[in-house]
Amino acid sequence: MDFASPDYFMTEALKEAQKAFDDGEVPVGAVVVCQNKIIAHAHNQTERLTDATAHAEMLAVTAAANKLGSKYLDECTLYVTLEPCVMCAGALHWVQLQKLVYAADDVQRGFSLVKTPLLHPKTEIIKGIKKDPSKELIDAFFRRIRS
């Protein structure tokens, strides 16, 4: 596998999502990539931290900014297993993210449901990479908690 490919990085985000699943969190995982290297990784921790803002994207962006010593991630790509919500999209706007790559659409809470553009105008968006395994993990989580 090419270690600088979108498939590779999304696989790493899926590993983070699996950690969330195993911890009883909504299984969303994220990695931030800069110059073809993962500089931050995170998964949802809203239950563990009792913090509704502790989404994978928010935690990964904070870790990446700390690593770079900059509030801007304008040379970074965020890979996330589920389309970011409006809150996370707002944060991605403020960090001026270069590229957002997400796997599965969030048809209930995804930022694309809002007609006003939420991401920074220069942010490139790619979706659908490893969509099926991401959706399967989310579906399995909700089947488990509803049974």
Protein backbone atom coordinates (compact mmCIF):
# COMPACT_ATOMS: atom_id res chain seq x y z
CA MET A 1 0.00 0.00 0.00
CA ASP A 2 1.25 3.49 -0.84
CA PHE A 3 1.89 5.15 2.52
CA ALA A 4 1.02 8.57 1.13
CA SER A 5 -2.25 7.63 -0.54
CA PRO A 6 -5.73 8.79 0.48
CA ASP A 7 -6.69 5.13 1.04
CA TYR A 8 -3.83 4.70 3.51
CA PHE A 9 -4.71 7.83 5.48
CA MET A 10 -8.42 6.97 5.57
CA THR A 11 -7.51 3.49 6.79
CA GLU A 12 -5.68 5.16 9.66
CA ALA A 13 -8.77 7.28 10.39
CA LEU A 14 -10.85 4.09 10.37
CA LYS A 15 -8.51 2.62 13.00
CA GLU A 16 -9.30 5.64 15.16
CA ALA A 17 -13.03 5.12 14.53
CA GLN A 18 -12.67 1.52 15.69
CA LYS A 19 -11.15 2.78 18.95
CA ALA A 20 -14.19 4.98 19.46
CA PHE A 21 -16.49 2.02 18.72
CA ASP A 22 -14.62 -0.14 21.23
CA ASP A 23 -14.96 2.63 23.85
CA GLY A 24 -18.72 2.95 23.31
CA GLU A 25 -18.40 6.27 21.47
CA VAL A 26 -19.96 7.12 18.12
CA PRO A 27 -17.29 5.62 15.83
CA VAL A 28 -15.73 8.58 14.08
CA GLY A 29 -11.99 8.81 13.58
CA ALA A 30 -9.74 11.49 12.12
CA VAL A 31 -6.14 12.08 11.14
CA VAL A 32 -4.44 15.31 10.10
CA VAL A 33 -1.78 14.98 7.42
CA CYS A 34 0.92 17.52 6.62
CA GLN A 35 3.61 16.91 4.00
CA ASN A 36 2.40 13.29 3.62
CA LYS A 37 2.86 12.54 7.33
CA ILE A 38 0.23 12.05 10.00
CA ILE A 39 0.77 14.78 12.57
CA ALA A 40 -2.37 14.19 14.66
CA HIS A 41 -4.99 11.52 15.16
CA ALA A 42 -8.12 11.34 17.26
CA HIS A 43 -11.48 9.70 17.70
CA ASN A 44 -14.74 10.78 19.28
CA GLN A 45 -14.46 11.12 23.06
CA THR A 46 -17.65 12.94 24.01
CA GLU A 47 -18.65 10.29 26.56
CA ARG A 48 -15.19 9.80 28.06
CA LEU A 49 -14.55 13.53 28.44
CA THR A 50 -18.22 14.43 29.11
CA ASP A 51 -17.76 17.13 26.50
CA ALA A 52 -20.20 17.50 23.62
CA THR A 53 -17.48 19.26 21.60
CA ALA A 54 -14.97 16.37 21.85
CA HIS A 55 -15.55 15.23 18.26
CA ALA A 56 -12.72 13.48 16.44
CA GLU A 57 -12.23 16.45 14.11
CA MET A 58 -12.00 18.99 16.94
CA LEU A 59 -9.51 16.89 18.90
CA ALA A 60 -7.37 16.18 15.81
CA VAL A 61 -7.32 19.84 14.75
CA THR A 62 -6.28 20.97 18.23
CA ALA A 63 -3.49 18.37 18.34
CA ALA A 64 -2.28 19.35 14.86
CA ALA A 65 -2.25 23.06 15.71
CA ASN A 66 -0.26 22.32 18.85
CA LYS A 67 2.19 20.15 16.88
CA LEU A 68 2.71 22.87 14.25
CA GLY A 69 2.64 25.76 16.70
CA SER A 70 0.13 27.51 14.47
CA LYS A 71 -3.59 28.20 14.57
CA TYR A 72 -3.75 27.65 10.80
CA LEU A 73 -3.76 24.28 9.05
CA ASP A 74 -3.63 25.74 5.55
CA GLU A 75 -1.08 23.16 4.43
CA CYS A 76 -2.89 20.20 5.99
CA THR A 77 -5.46 17.62 5.03
CA LEU A 78 -8.01 16.23 7.47
CA TYR A 79 -9.17 12.67 6.82
CA VAL A 80 -12.33 11.82 8.75
CA THR A 81 -14.60 8.81 8.55
CA LEU A 82 -17.87 10.76 8.68
CA GLU A 83 -18.87 14.10 7.19
CA PRO A 84 -18.21 16.80 9.79
CA CYS A 85 -21.10 18.44 11.60
CA VAL A 86 -21.75 22.17 11.47
CA MET A 87 -19.68 22.78 14.63
CA CYS A 88 -16.66 20.97 13.22
CA ALA A 89 -17.04 22.62 9.81
CA GLY A 90 -16.97 25.99 11.55
CA ALA A 91 -13.72 25.06 13.27
CA LEU A 92 -12.28 23.83 9.96
CA HIS A 93 -13.14 27.21 8.44
CA TRP A 94 -11.23 29.09 11.15
CA VAL A 95 -8.10 26.92 10.82
CA GLN A 96 -8.22 27.50 7.04
CA LEU A 97 -7.88 23.78 6.34
CA GLN A 98 -6.33 23.09 2.92
CA LYS A 99 -8.24 19.88 2.21
CA LEU A 100 -11.04 17.87 3.81
CA VAL A 101 -11.42 14.20 2.90
CA TYR A 102 -14.33 12.33 4.42
CA ALA A 103 -15.66 8.83 3.94
CA ALA A 104 -19.41 8.67 4.57
CA ASP A 105 -22.05 11.37 4.31
CA ASP A 106 -23.86 12.30 7.52
CA VAL A 107 -27.41 12.58 6.21
CA GLN A 108 -28.76 13.82 9.55
CA ARG A 109 -26.16 16.28 10.86
CA GLY A 110 -23.55 16.83 8.13
CA PHE A 111 -22.39 20.33 7.28
CA SER A 112 -23.46 19.95 3.64
CA LEU A 113 -27.11 20.05 4.75
CA VAL A 114 -26.64 23.77 5.41
CA LYS A 115 -26.88 25.80 2.24
CA THR A 116 -24.56 28.60 3.42
CA PRO A 117 -20.92 27.62 2.76
CA LEU A 118 -19.31 26.73 6.09
CA LEU A 119 -15.78 25.75 5.11
CA HIS A 120 -13.05 28.18 4.14
CA PRO A 121 -13.41 29.10 0.44
CA LYS A 122 -9.96 27.63 -0.32
CA THR A 123 -10.69 24.26 1.32
CA GLU A 124 -10.82 21.43 -1.19
CA ILE A 125 -13.38 18.70 -0.41
CA ILE A 126 -13.12 15.05 -1.40
CA LYS A 127 -15.69 12.52 -0.23
CA GLY A 128 -16.42 8.83 -0.51
CA ILE A 129 -12.98 7.30 0.17
CA LYS A 130 -13.65 4.11 2.16
CA LYS A 131 -17.30 5.11 2.47
CA ASP A 132 -18.61 1.56 2.90
CA PRO A 133 -16.44 0.45 5.84
CA SER A 134 -17.10 3.75 7.59
CA LYS A 135 -20.86 3.47 7.12
CA GLU A 136 -20.80 -0.18 8.22
CA LEU A 137 -19.04 0.75 11.48
CA ILE A 138 -21.52 3.58 12.20
CA ASP A 139 -24.48 1.30 11.41
CA ALA A 140 -23.08 -1.47 13.63
CA PHE A 141 -22.69 1.00 16.49
CA PHE A 142 -26.27 2.20 16.30
CA ARG A 143 -27.60 -1.36 15.93
CA ARG A 144 -25.67 -2.29 19.09
CA ILE A 145 -26.97 0.58 21.22
CA ARG A 146 -30.56 0.16 20.03
CA SER A 147 -30.75 -3.60 20.67
